[in-house]
C-alpha cells in the first residue's frame, strides 16, 4: 500500500510538471559563452624582431659590457695604485729606521788616512757619507762594516739613495766594497746631507754641507730628500751616540786588535 502511494505521488508530481508551460530560454551574454561559441579569427603568422630592434639591443648590450669593463679596470688600477703607494711608504719608513739605527751605532774605527797619516773616522759631503757601524741581525756576524751612503744618478732624470758595505781591512788598506749597492729609495728628485758638530766650548755648531775634519765624528747627521709627489720624506736628523772626542783620544780598538793578531 505504501509503495502504491509512493508511485501515485510521483505520478501526480510528474503530471503537474507536464501541465506547466516551459519557460523560454534566454541567450547567454557573449562573454559567458564557451570558447567554442565565439567567432574564430584567422591566426596571424608570428612576428619577429626587426633589424633596427636587433641592432638597438646589441648596442645596449655593448654599452653595458663597456661600463662593466670600465668599472673593473678602474677598480683594478685603484687597487694597484694604492698598493704601490703603501709599498713606497713602507720603503721610506724602513729606510729611515735603518739609517737612524746604523748612524746611532757609528763607531770610532778608522776608514782611511789623510795626507799626514792621521786616521779618518768619518767622511761627509753633500751627496755621500762614510762611517763604520755593525750591521743588524745575522749580518752583524761579519763584524763592523764600512758603510757608504750616497745619492747617485738613476739614469731617468732623478737620483736614488743607495748604500754600500765593505769589511774593515786587516792591513790598513782602503776598504773594498762587497757585492752590489743596496737601493734604499729610488726616484728621488733632489736631496742633500748635512752635518752638525760640537765646538770647542761644547756647544752645538752650525749645520754644514761637508764635514771638514774626518778625525772627528759629527754629533748629528741630517738627510733631506724630495721624493715624487704625493709622497713625502720626513727630514731625518740622526744622532751619533759615540763620543765625538773618542776618535782623537784613542785609535780604533778593533783595528788595533787586528794588527796585533797579524803580528802574532
Protein backbone atom coordinates (compact mmCIF):
# COMPACT_ATOMS: atom_id res chain seq x y z
CA UNK A 1 0.00 0.00 0.00
CA UNK A 2 2.86 2.37 0.85
CA UNK A 3 4.57 1.50 -2.41
CA UNK A 4 1.41 2.28 -4.31
CA UNK A 5 1.05 5.59 -2.55
CA UNK A 6 4.65 6.43 -3.48
CA UNK A 7 4.05 5.62 -7.09
CA UNK A 8 0.84 7.66 -7.09
CA UNK A 9 2.70 10.63 -5.59
CA UNK A 10 5.35 10.56 -8.26
CA UNK A 11 2.70 10.22 -10.90
CA UNK A 12 0.83 13.26 -9.61
CA UNK A 13 4.04 15.37 -9.49
CA UNK A 14 5.01 14.28 -12.97
CA UNK A 15 1.56 15.19 -14.30
CA UNK A 16 1.82 18.58 -12.66
CA UNK A 17 5.15 19.24 -14.35
CA UNK A 18 3.77 18.15 -17.68
CA UNK A 19 0.91 20.56 -17.31
CA UNK A 20 3.21 23.63 -16.99
CA UNK A 21 4.42 25.63 -19.96
CA UNK A 22 8.21 25.57 -20.38
CA UNK A 23 9.94 28.91 -19.75
CA UNK A 24 11.68 30.46 -22.72
CA UNK A 25 15.49 30.13 -22.59
CA UNK A 26 17.34 33.40 -22.60
CA UNK A 27 20.51 33.58 -24.64
CA UNK A 28 23.65 33.88 -22.53
CA UNK A 29 25.74 37.00 -22.97
CA UNK A 30 28.65 36.66 -25.32
CA UNK A 31 31.20 36.96 -22.56
CA UNK A 32 29.57 33.98 -20.84
CA UNK A 33 29.52 31.79 -23.92
CA UNK A 34 32.05 28.99 -24.05
CA UNK A 35 35.20 29.50 -26.06
CA UNK A 36 33.92 27.32 -28.87
CA UNK A 37 30.88 29.55 -29.32
CA UNK A 38 32.97 32.71 -30.03
CA UNK A 39 33.74 33.54 -33.62
CA UNK A 40 37.19 32.40 -34.53
CA UNK A 41 39.73 34.75 -36.09
CA UNK A 42 42.17 33.65 -38.69
CA UNK A 43 45.57 33.00 -37.00
CA UNK A 44 48.21 35.63 -37.89
CA UNK A 45 51.76 34.49 -38.62
CA UNK A 46 54.31 35.01 -35.72
CA UNK A 47 56.08 38.37 -35.89
CA UNK A 48 59.90 38.50 -35.33
CA UNK A 49 62.25 41.34 -34.39
CA UNK A 50 63.14 43.91 -36.95
CA UNK A 51 66.73 44.72 -37.89
CA UNK A 52 66.60 48.03 -36.05
CA UNK A 53 65.41 46.33 -32.87
CA UNK A 54 68.23 43.79 -33.06
CA UNK A 55 70.83 46.50 -33.66
CA UNK A 56 69.45 48.56 -30.78
CA UNK A 57 69.62 45.58 -28.41
CA UNK A 58 73.20 44.86 -29.48
CA UNK A 59 74.15 48.50 -28.94
CA UNK A 60 72.66 48.50 -25.44
CA UNK A 61 74.45 45.25 -24.63
CA UNK A 62 77.74 46.69 -25.87
CA UNK A 63 77.30 49.80 -23.72
CA UNK A 64 76.52 47.64 -20.71
CA UNK A 65 79.60 45.49 -21.23
CA UNK A 66 81.74 48.59 -21.76
CA UNK A 67 80.52 50.05 -18.47
CA UNK A 68 81.25 46.82 -16.61
CA UNK A 69 84.74 46.58 -18.13
CA UNK A 70 85.49 50.22 -17.32
CA UNK A 71 84.39 49.73 -13.73
CA UNK A 72 86.54 46.63 -13.30
CA UNK A 73 89.54 48.35 -14.89
CA UNK A 74 89.16 51.44 -12.71
CA UNK A 75 88.89 49.33 -9.58
CA UNK A 76 91.97 47.32 -10.56
CA UNK A 77 94.01 50.46 -11.23
CA UNK A 78 92.91 51.96 -7.92
CA UNK A 79 93.95 48.83 -6.04
CA UNK A 80 97.32 48.75 -7.81
CA UNK A 81 97.96 52.45 -7.18
CA UNK A 82 97.02 52.08 -3.53
CA UNK A 83 99.26 49.05 -3.13
CA UNK A 84 102.19 50.86 -4.79
CA UNK A 85 101.71 53.89 -2.53
CA UNK A 86 101.61 51.73 0.60
CA UNK A 87 104.69 49.81 -0.53
CA UNK A 88 106.62 53.03 -1.15
CA UNK A 89 105.60 54.48 2.22
CA UNK A 90 106.80 51.29 3.90
CA UNK A 91 110.05 51.57 1.96
CA UNK A 92 110.57 55.17 3.17
CA UNK A 93 109.81 54.20 6.75
CA UNK A 94 112.13 51.18 6.60
CA UNK A 95 114.94 53.26 5.07
CA UNK A 96 114.66 55.89 7.79
CA UNK A 97 114.63 53.30 10.57
CA UNK A 98 117.68 51.57 9.10
CA UNK A 99 119.67 54.80 8.69
CA UNK A 100 118.75 56.06 12.14
CA UNK A 101 119.81 52.77 13.74
CA UNK A 102 123.09 52.49 11.83
CA UNK A 103 124.15 56.10 12.42
CA UNK A 104 123.33 55.73 16.11
CA UNK A 105 125.71 52.74 16.24
CA UNK A 106 128.58 54.50 14.45
CA UNK A 107 131.96 53.50 15.86
CA UNK A 108 135.27 55.34 16.18
CA UNK A 109 137.05 53.00 13.77
CA UNK A 110 139.34 54.38 11.04
CA UNK A 111 138.12 54.13 7.48
CA UNK A 112 141.23 55.69 5.93
CA UNK A 113 144.06 58.16 6.44
CA UNK A 114 144.73 61.69 5.31
CA UNK A 115 147.89 63.10 3.73
CA UNK A 116 149.58 63.42 7.12
CA UNK A 117 148.85 59.83 8.04
CA UNK A 118 146.15 60.65 10.59
CA UNK A 119 143.27 58.20 10.86
CA UNK A 120 139.93 59.30 9.42
CA UNK A 121 136.77 58.12 11.13
CA UNK A 122 134.10 59.88 9.10
CA UNK A 123 133.71 61.28 5.61
CA UNK A 124 130.83 63.54 4.68
CA UNK A 125 129.92 65.51 1.56
CA UNK A 126 126.55 66.88 0.36
CA UNK A 127 125.83 63.62 -1.50
CA UNK A 128 127.95 60.95 0.20
CA UNK A 129 128.99 59.91 3.70
CA UNK A 130 131.02 57.02 5.14
CA UNK A 131 131.25 55.61 8.65
CA UNK A 132 131.77 52.32 10.49
CA UNK A 133 128.90 50.51 12.21
CA UNK A 134 127.76 46.91 12.80
CA UNK A 135 125.00 45.51 10.65
CA UNK A 136 121.69 44.38 12.17
CA UNK A 137 120.64 40.79 12.79
CA UNK A 138 122.60 37.89 11.41
CA UNK A 139 124.59 40.24 9.17
CA UNK A 140 126.30 41.53 12.29
CA UNK A 141 128.28 38.27 12.49
CA UNK A 142 130.60 39.73 9.85
CA UNK A 143 131.69 42.41 12.29
CA UNK A 144 131.60 46.18 11.83
CA UNK A 145 131.32 47.30 8.24
CA UNK A 146 132.35 50.46 6.43
CA UNK A 147 129.01 51.83 5.25
CA UNK A 148 128.88 54.40 2.46
CA UNK A 149 125.57 56.17 1.88
CA UNK A 150 125.32 58.05 -1.42
CA UNK A 151 122.91 59.84 -3.73
CA UNK A 152 123.65 58.76 -7.32
CA UNK A 153 122.05 59.37 -10.70
CA UNK A 154 119.42 56.76 -11.57
CA UNK A 155 119.57 57.40 -15.33
CA UNK A 156 115.96 58.61 -15.51
CA UNK A 157 116.41 62.24 -14.63
CA UNK A 158 116.39 61.62 -10.89
CA UNK A 159 118.50 60.15 -8.13
CA UNK A 160 118.48 57.11 -5.92
CA UNK A 161 119.65 56.63 -2.36
CA UNK A 162 121.89 53.61 -2.04
CA UNK A 163 124.30 52.17 0.50
CA UNK A 164 127.45 50.11 0.03
CA UNK A 165 129.15 47.84 2.54
CA UNK A 166 132.81 46.92 2.90
CA UNK A 167 134.64 44.91 5.53
CA UNK A 168 137.38 46.60 7.53
CA UNK A 169 140.73 45.51 6.04
CA UNK A 170 143.28 43.82 8.30
CA UNK A 171 146.32 45.52 6.78
CA UNK A 172 145.10 49.11 6.90
CA UNK A 173 144.42 49.27 3.17
CA UNK A 174 141.37 51.12 1.85
CA UNK A 175 138.19 49.05 2.28
CA UNK A 176 136.89 47.24 -0.77
CA UNK A 177 133.11 47.16 -1.38
CA UNK A 178 131.48 43.74 -1.16
CA UNK A 179 128.64 42.96 -3.52
CA UNK A 180 126.33 45.39 -5.24
CA UNK A 181 124.93 48.52 -3.56
CA UNK A 182 121.57 48.23 -1.85
CA UNK A 183 118.97 50.72 -3.09
CA UNK A 184 117.12 52.29 -0.17
CA UNK A 185 114.96 54.71 -2.17
CA UNK A 186 114.60 55.35 -5.90
CA UNK A 187 113.18 58.21 -7.97
CA UNK A 188 114.45 60.96 -5.67
CA UNK A 189 114.05 64.40 -7.22
CA UNK A 190 116.69 66.07 -5.10
CA UNK A 191 118.44 65.57 -1.79
CA UNK A 192 121.42 66.50 0.34
CA UNK A 193 123.28 65.55 3.50
CA UNK A 194 124.38 68.00 6.17
CA UNK A 195 126.34 67.65 9.39
CA UNK A 196 126.50 69.28 12.78
CA UNK A 197 129.21 69.01 15.40
CA UNK A 198 130.20 70.47 18.75
CA UNK A 199 132.60 73.40 19.04
CA UNK A 200 135.48 73.80 21.48
CA UNK A 201 133.14 75.19 24.14
CA UNK A 202 130.91 72.11 23.93
CA UNK A 203 128.08 73.96 22.20
CA UNK A 204 126.28 72.72 19.06
CA UNK A 205 127.80 74.20 15.94
CA UNK A 206 126.18 75.25 12.67
CA UNK A 207 124.93 72.84 10.02
CA UNK A 208 127.50 72.25 7.28
CA UNK A 209 127.17 70.73 3.84
CA UNK A 210 130.52 68.93 4.16
CA UNK A 211 132.21 67.55 7.24
CA UNK A 212 135.54 69.40 7.48
CA UNK A 213 137.56 67.16 9.82
CA UNK A 214 137.36 63.42 9.32
CA UNK A 215 139.33 62.84 12.53
CA UNK A 216 136.19 63.83 14.43
CA UNK A 217 132.70 62.39 14.33
CA UNK A 218 129.70 64.69 13.92
CA UNK A 219 127.04 64.73 16.59
CA UNK A 220 124.12 64.90 14.12
CA UNK A 221 123.60 63.89 10.50
CA UNK A 222 120.69 65.35 8.55
CA UNK A 223 119.28 63.65 5.45
CA UNK A 224 116.82 65.65 3.36
CA UNK A 225 115.19 64.11 0.30
CA UNK A 226 112.38 65.13 -2.05
CA UNK A 227 110.52 62.10 -3.44
CA UNK A 228 107.89 62.45 -6.17
CA UNK A 229 104.51 63.83 -5.10
CA UNK A 230 102.37 62.99 -3.22
CA UNK A 231 104.98 61.09 -1.19
CA UNK A 232 106.98 62.82 1.48
CA UNK A 233 110.30 62.10 3.15
CA UNK A 234 110.25 63.42 6.73
CA UNK A 235 113.51 65.21 7.47
CA UNK A 236 115.82 62.79 9.24
CA UNK A 237 118.11 64.09 12.00
CA UNK A 238 120.07 61.08 13.23
CA UNK A 239 122.33 61.46 16.29
CA UNK A 240 125.63 59.61 16.62
CA UNK A 241 125.78 58.18 20.14
CA UNK A 242 129.52 57.58 20.17
CA UNK A 243 131.65 60.14 21.98
CA UNK A 244 132.81 62.55 19.27
CA UNK A 245 136.12 63.07 21.07
CA UNK A 246 136.90 59.35 21.20
CA UNK A 247 138.46 59.49 17.75
CA UNK A 248 141.14 61.90 19.00
CA UNK A 249 141.85 60.25 22.35
CA UNK A 250 142.46 56.71 21.17
CA UNK A 251 142.94 54.74 17.95
CA UNK A 252 140.38 52.25 16.71
CA UNK A 253 140.21 49.41 19.19
CA UNK A 254 139.15 46.82 16.64
CA UNK A 255 141.85 47.91 14.19
CA UNK A 256 144.50 47.63 16.91
CA UNK A 257 143.37 44.16 17.86
CA UNK A 258 143.50 43.02 14.24
CA UNK A 259 147.01 44.41 13.73
CA UNK A 260 148.14 42.75 16.97
CA UNK A 261 146.78 39.40 15.82
CA UNK A 262 148.56 39.73 12.47
CA UNK A 263 151.87 40.40 14.22
CA UNK A 264 151.41 37.34 16.40
